[in-house]
């Protein structure tokens, strides 16, 4: 199993209300891809973090294979969600992929 972990820091120019809506949209959009994109086993978005955190959103997705992860990265459905709900609002993105 392949784990794909993404951390995002939202733009500091966004209000708290805007950030809350963006977080809901990210969760809804990325969760909707499970069962749609082949090899994507699960997708969990976490937005409630402790004050010690220095990011706003965490995505943890699981894939059947590295090939499935690579296909997800270029999948038009994934990129449509990212282009609409994620990329316009993100200041920083970190990625950590690993295999179980």
N, C-alpha and C. Protein backbone atom coordinates (compact mmCIF):
# COMPACT_ATOMS: atom_id res chain seq x y z
N UNK A 1 0.84 -1.18 0.00
CA UNK A 1 0.00 0.00 0.00
C UNK A 1 0.89 1.24 0.00
N UNK A 2 0.53 2.24 -0.78
CA UNK A 2 1.27 3.49 -0.90
C UNK A 2 0.50 4.58 -0.16
N UNK A 3 1.20 5.30 0.70
CA UNK A 3 0.61 6.43 1.44
C UNK A 3 1.12 7.72 0.83
N UNK A 4 0.19 8.61 0.57
CA UNK A 4 0.48 9.91 -0.07
C UNK A 4 -0.01 10.98 0.91
N UNK A 5 0.93 11.68 1.52
CA UNK A 5 0.58 12.68 2.53
C UNK A 5 0.96 14.06 1.99
N UNK A 6 -0.01 14.96 2.03
CA UNK A 6 0.20 16.32 1.57
C UNK A 6 -0.13 17.26 2.72
N UNK A 7 0.70 18.28 2.90
CA UNK A 7 0.44 19.34 3.87
C UNK A 7 0.35 20.65 3.10
N UNK A 8 -0.69 21.42 3.39
CA UNK A 8 -0.87 22.71 2.74
C UNK A 8 -0.96 23.82 3.77
N UNK A 9 -0.33 24.92 3.48
CA UNK A 9 -0.53 26.15 4.23
C UNK A 9 -1.31 27.08 3.31
N UNK A 10 -2.48 27.51 3.78
CA UNK A 10 -3.30 28.41 2.97
C UNK A 10 -2.72 29.82 2.99
N UNK A 11 -3.07 30.59 1.99
CA UNK A 11 -2.56 31.95 1.87
C UNK A 11 -2.96 32.78 3.09
N UNK A 12 -2.03 33.53 3.61
CA UNK A 12 -2.27 34.33 4.81
C UNK A 12 -3.22 35.49 4.55
N UNK A 13 -3.45 35.83 3.30
CA UNK A 13 -4.37 36.92 2.97
C UNK A 13 -5.83 36.50 3.08
N UNK A 14 -6.09 35.22 3.26
CA UNK A 14 -7.46 34.73 3.37
C UNK A 14 -8.00 34.96 4.78
N UNK A 15 -9.28 35.29 4.86
CA UNK A 15 -9.92 35.46 6.17
C UNK A 15 -10.20 34.09 6.78
N UNK A 16 -10.50 34.05 8.06
CA UNK A 16 -10.84 32.79 8.72
C UNK A 16 -12.06 32.15 8.08
N UNK A 17 -13.04 32.95 7.72
CA UNK A 17 -14.25 32.42 7.07
C UNK A 17 -13.91 31.82 5.70
N UNK A 18 -13.07 32.51 4.95
CA UNK A 18 -12.65 31.98 3.65
C UNK A 18 -11.90 30.67 3.82
N UNK A 19 -10.99 30.62 4.79
CA UNK A 19 -10.22 29.40 5.04
C UNK A 19 -11.15 28.25 5.42
N UNK A 20 -12.15 28.51 6.24
CA UNK A 20 -13.09 27.45 6.64
C UNK A 20 -13.82 26.89 5.43
N UNK A 21 -14.27 27.77 4.54
CA UNK A 21 -14.97 27.31 3.34
C UNK A 21 -14.03 26.54 2.42
N UNK A 22 -12.83 27.02 2.25
CA UNK A 22 -11.83 26.34 1.41
C UNK A 22 -11.54 24.95 1.95
N UNK A 23 -11.38 24.83 3.26
CA UNK A 23 -11.12 23.53 3.87
C UNK A 23 -12.27 22.56 3.61
N UNK A 24 -13.50 23.03 3.73
CA UNK A 24 -14.68 22.17 3.45
C UNK A 24 -14.67 21.72 1.99
N UNK A 25 -14.36 22.66 1.09
CA UNK A 25 -14.35 22.33 -0.34
C UNK A 25 -13.23 21.35 -0.69
N UNK A 26 -12.07 21.53 -0.09
CA UNK A 26 -10.96 20.59 -0.32
C UNK A 26 -11.37 19.19 0.11
N UNK A 27 -11.95 19.09 1.30
CA UNK A 27 -12.38 17.79 1.82
C UNK A 27 -13.42 17.16 0.90
N UNK A 28 -14.45 17.92 0.58
CA UNK A 28 -15.52 17.40 -0.27
C UNK A 28 -14.99 16.99 -1.65
N UNK A 29 -14.17 17.84 -2.24
CA UNK A 29 -13.66 17.56 -3.59
C UNK A 29 -12.76 16.35 -3.65
N UNK A 30 -11.79 16.27 -2.74
CA UNK A 30 -10.85 15.14 -2.78
C UNK A 30 -11.50 13.84 -2.33
N UNK A 31 -12.40 13.91 -1.37
CA UNK A 31 -13.09 12.69 -0.92
C UNK A 31 -13.97 12.11 -2.02
N UNK A 32 -14.46 12.97 -2.90
CA UNK A 32 -15.34 12.51 -3.98
C UNK A 32 -14.61 11.66 -5.02
N UNK A 33 -13.29 11.64 -4.98
CA UNK A 33 -12.51 10.89 -5.97
C UNK A 33 -12.35 9.42 -5.62
N UNK A 34 -12.59 9.07 -4.34
CA UNK A 34 -12.48 7.67 -3.91
C UNK A 34 -13.59 6.87 -4.61
N UNK A 35 -13.20 5.76 -5.21
CA UNK A 35 -14.15 4.94 -5.95
C UNK A 35 -14.33 5.40 -7.38
N UNK A 36 -13.72 6.52 -7.72
CA UNK A 36 -13.81 7.07 -9.08
C UNK A 36 -12.48 6.88 -9.81
N UNK A 37 -11.39 7.20 -9.13
CA UNK A 37 -10.07 7.06 -9.73
C UNK A 37 -9.51 5.68 -9.38
N UNK A 38 -9.18 4.87 -10.36
CA UNK A 38 -8.68 3.52 -10.11
C UNK A 38 -7.44 3.52 -9.22
N UNK A 39 -7.44 2.62 -8.24
CA UNK A 39 -6.29 2.46 -7.36
C UNK A 39 -6.26 3.37 -6.16
N UNK A 40 -7.15 4.38 -6.10
CA UNK A 40 -7.26 5.25 -4.94
C UNK A 40 -8.15 4.57 -3.92
N UNK A 41 -7.55 4.10 -2.84
CA UNK A 41 -8.25 3.30 -1.83
C UNK A 41 -8.98 4.18 -0.82
N UNK A 42 -8.33 5.25 -0.38
CA UNK A 42 -8.95 6.14 0.61
C UNK A 42 -8.33 7.53 0.50
N UNK A 43 -9.07 8.50 1.02
CA UNK A 43 -8.61 9.88 1.01
C UNK A 43 -9.20 10.56 2.23
N UNK A 44 -8.35 11.01 3.13
CA UNK A 44 -8.81 11.66 4.36
C UNK A 44 -8.17 13.04 4.46
N UNK A 45 -9.02 14.04 4.60
CA UNK A 45 -8.55 15.42 4.78
C UNK A 45 -8.74 15.78 6.25
N UNK A 46 -7.68 16.31 6.84
CA UNK A 46 -7.72 16.76 8.24
C UNK A 46 -7.53 18.26 8.26
N UNK A 47 -8.40 18.97 8.97
CA UNK A 47 -8.31 20.43 9.03
C UNK A 47 -8.29 20.97 10.46
N UNK A 48 -8.61 20.13 11.41
CA UNK A 48 -8.63 20.58 12.81
C UNK A 48 -7.29 20.19 13.43
N UNK A 49 -6.41 21.17 13.55
CA UNK A 49 -5.07 20.88 14.05
C UNK A 49 -4.82 21.61 15.36
N UNK A 50 -3.81 21.17 16.05
CA UNK A 50 -3.39 21.81 17.28
C UNK A 50 -2.68 23.13 16.98
N UNK A 51 -2.67 24.06 17.92
CA UNK A 51 -2.00 25.35 17.70
C UNK A 51 -0.51 25.22 17.37
N UNK A 52 0.11 24.12 17.72
CA UNK A 52 1.53 23.91 17.42
C UNK A 52 1.79 23.61 15.95
N UNK A 53 0.74 23.38 15.17
CA UNK A 53 0.89 23.06 13.74
C UNK A 53 1.26 24.31 12.96
N UNK A 54 2.00 24.10 11.86
CA UNK A 54 2.35 25.23 11.00
C UNK A 54 1.81 25.04 9.58
N UNK A 55 0.76 24.24 9.47
CA UNK A 55 0.04 24.11 8.22
C UNK A 55 -1.46 24.09 8.54
N UNK A 56 -2.27 24.20 7.49
CA UNK A 56 -3.72 24.32 7.69
C UNK A 56 -4.50 23.07 7.32
N UNK A 57 -3.97 22.30 6.37
CA UNK A 57 -4.71 21.15 5.84
C UNK A 57 -3.75 20.00 5.61
N UNK A 58 -4.20 18.78 5.96
CA UNK A 58 -3.43 17.58 5.67
C UNK A 58 -4.32 16.62 4.88
N UNK A 59 -3.74 16.07 3.83
CA UNK A 59 -4.40 15.03 3.05
C UNK A 59 -3.59 13.76 3.22
N UNK A 60 -4.28 12.68 3.56
CA UNK A 60 -3.63 11.37 3.58
C UNK A 60 -4.45 10.44 2.69
N UNK A 61 -3.84 10.08 1.56
CA UNK A 61 -4.48 9.17 0.61
C UNK A 61 -3.70 7.87 0.57
N UNK A 62 -4.43 6.80 0.27
CA UNK A 62 -3.79 5.49 0.14
C UNK A 62 -4.09 4.95 -1.25
N UNK A 63 -3.05 4.37 -1.85
CA UNK A 63 -3.14 3.82 -3.20
C UNK A 63 -2.69 2.38 -3.21
N UNK A 64 -3.23 1.62 -4.14
CA UNK A 64 -2.87 0.22 -4.26
C UNK A 64 -1.41 0.04 -4.67
N UNK A 65 -0.93 0.90 -5.56
CA UNK A 65 0.42 0.78 -6.11
C UNK A 65 1.01 2.15 -6.40
N UNK A 66 2.32 2.19 -6.63
CA UNK A 66 2.98 3.42 -7.05
C UNK A 66 2.42 3.86 -8.41
N UNK A 67 2.13 2.92 -9.27
CA UNK A 67 1.57 3.24 -10.58
C UNK A 67 0.22 3.94 -10.44
N UNK A 68 -0.59 3.49 -9.48
CA UNK A 68 -1.89 4.13 -9.24
C UNK A 68 -1.70 5.56 -8.75
N UNK A 69 -0.73 5.79 -7.87
CA UNK A 69 -0.42 7.15 -7.41
C UNK A 69 0.03 8.03 -8.58
N UNK A 70 0.90 7.50 -9.41
CA UNK A 70 1.38 8.27 -10.56
C UNK A 70 0.24 8.60 -11.54
N UNK A 71 -0.67 7.67 -11.72
CA UNK A 71 -1.83 7.92 -12.60
C UNK A 71 -2.76 8.97 -11.98
N UNK A 72 -2.92 8.94 -10.67
CA UNK A 72 -3.75 9.91 -9.95
C UNK A 72 -3.21 11.33 -10.15
N UNK A 73 -1.91 11.46 -10.09
CA UNK A 73 -1.29 12.79 -10.23
C UNK A 73 -1.64 13.47 -11.54
N UNK A 74 -1.82 12.70 -12.59
CA UNK A 74 -2.11 13.29 -13.90
C UNK A 74 -3.57 13.12 -14.32
N UNK A 75 -4.36 12.48 -13.48
CA UNK A 75 -5.77 12.25 -13.79
C UNK A 75 -6.51 13.58 -13.89
N UNK A 76 -7.27 13.76 -14.94
CA UNK A 76 -7.99 15.02 -15.17
C UNK A 76 -8.99 15.32 -14.06
N UNK A 77 -9.61 14.29 -13.49
CA UNK A 77 -10.58 14.52 -12.40
C UNK A 77 -9.89 15.04 -11.15
N UNK A 78 -8.73 14.48 -10.83
CA UNK A 78 -7.95 14.96 -9.68
C UNK A 78 -7.50 16.39 -9.93
N UNK A 79 -6.98 16.66 -11.11
CA UNK A 79 -6.48 18.00 -11.41
C UNK A 79 -7.60 19.03 -11.46
N UNK A 80 -8.79 18.63 -11.86
CA UNK A 80 -9.93 19.56 -11.85
C UNK A 80 -10.26 19.98 -10.42
N UNK A 81 -10.25 19.02 -9.49
CA UNK A 81 -10.49 19.34 -8.08
C UNK A 81 -9.38 20.23 -7.54
N UNK A 82 -8.14 19.86 -7.82
CA UNK A 82 -6.99 20.64 -7.33
C UNK A 82 -7.01 22.06 -7.89
N UNK A 83 -7.33 22.20 -9.18
CA UNK A 83 -7.35 23.52 -9.80
C UNK A 83 -8.47 24.41 -9.27
N UNK A 84 -9.58 23.80 -8.89
CA UNK A 84 -10.73 24.57 -8.41
C UNK A 84 -10.66 24.86 -6.91
N UNK A 85 -10.28 23.86 -6.11
CA UNK A 85 -10.42 23.97 -4.66
C UNK A 85 -9.11 24.11 -3.88
N UNK A 86 -7.97 23.81 -4.50
CA UNK A 86 -6.72 23.78 -3.75
C UNK A 86 -5.73 24.83 -4.25
N UNK A 87 -5.24 24.65 -5.43
CA UNK A 87 -4.11 25.44 -5.94
C UNK A 87 -4.28 26.96 -5.84
N UNK A 88 -5.46 27.52 -6.10
CA UNK A 88 -5.58 28.98 -6.02
C UNK A 88 -5.42 29.55 -4.60
N UNK A 89 -5.54 28.70 -3.59
CA UNK A 89 -5.58 29.17 -2.21
C UNK A 89 -4.36 28.78 -1.37
N UNK A 90 -3.44 28.05 -1.98
CA UNK A 90 -2.32 27.49 -1.23
C UNK A 90 -1.06 28.33 -1.39
N UNK A 91 -0.43 28.57 -0.27
CA UNK A 91 0.84 29.29 -0.24
C UNK A 91 2.02 28.31 -0.29
N UNK A 92 1.89 27.19 0.44
CA UNK A 92 2.96 26.20 0.55
C UNK A 92 2.36 24.80 0.48
N UNK A 93 3.07 23.92 -0.23
CA UNK A 93 2.67 22.51 -0.34
C UNK A 93 3.87 21.64 -0.05
N UNK A 94 3.67 20.64 0.82
CA UNK A 94 4.70 19.63 1.09
C UNK A 94 4.09 18.26 0.82
N UNK A 95 4.92 17.35 0.34
CA UNK A 95 4.46 16.00 0.01
C UNK A 95 5.42 14.99 0.62
N UNK A 96 4.86 13.91 1.17
CA UNK A 96 5.65 12.80 1.69
C UNK A 96 4.94 11.52 1.30
N UNK A 97 5.54 10.74 0.40
CA UNK A 97 5.00 9.47 -0.05
C UNK A 97 5.82 8.35 0.54
N UNK A 98 5.14 7.28 0.98
CA UNK A 98 5.87 6.12 1.50
C UNK A 98 5.06 4.86 1.31
N UNK A 99 5.75 3.76 1.40
CA UNK A 99 5.11 2.45 1.21
C UNK A 99 5.03 1.73 2.54
N UNK A 100 3.88 1.08 2.76
CA UNK A 100 3.71 0.24 3.96
C UNK A 100 4.47 -1.06 3.79
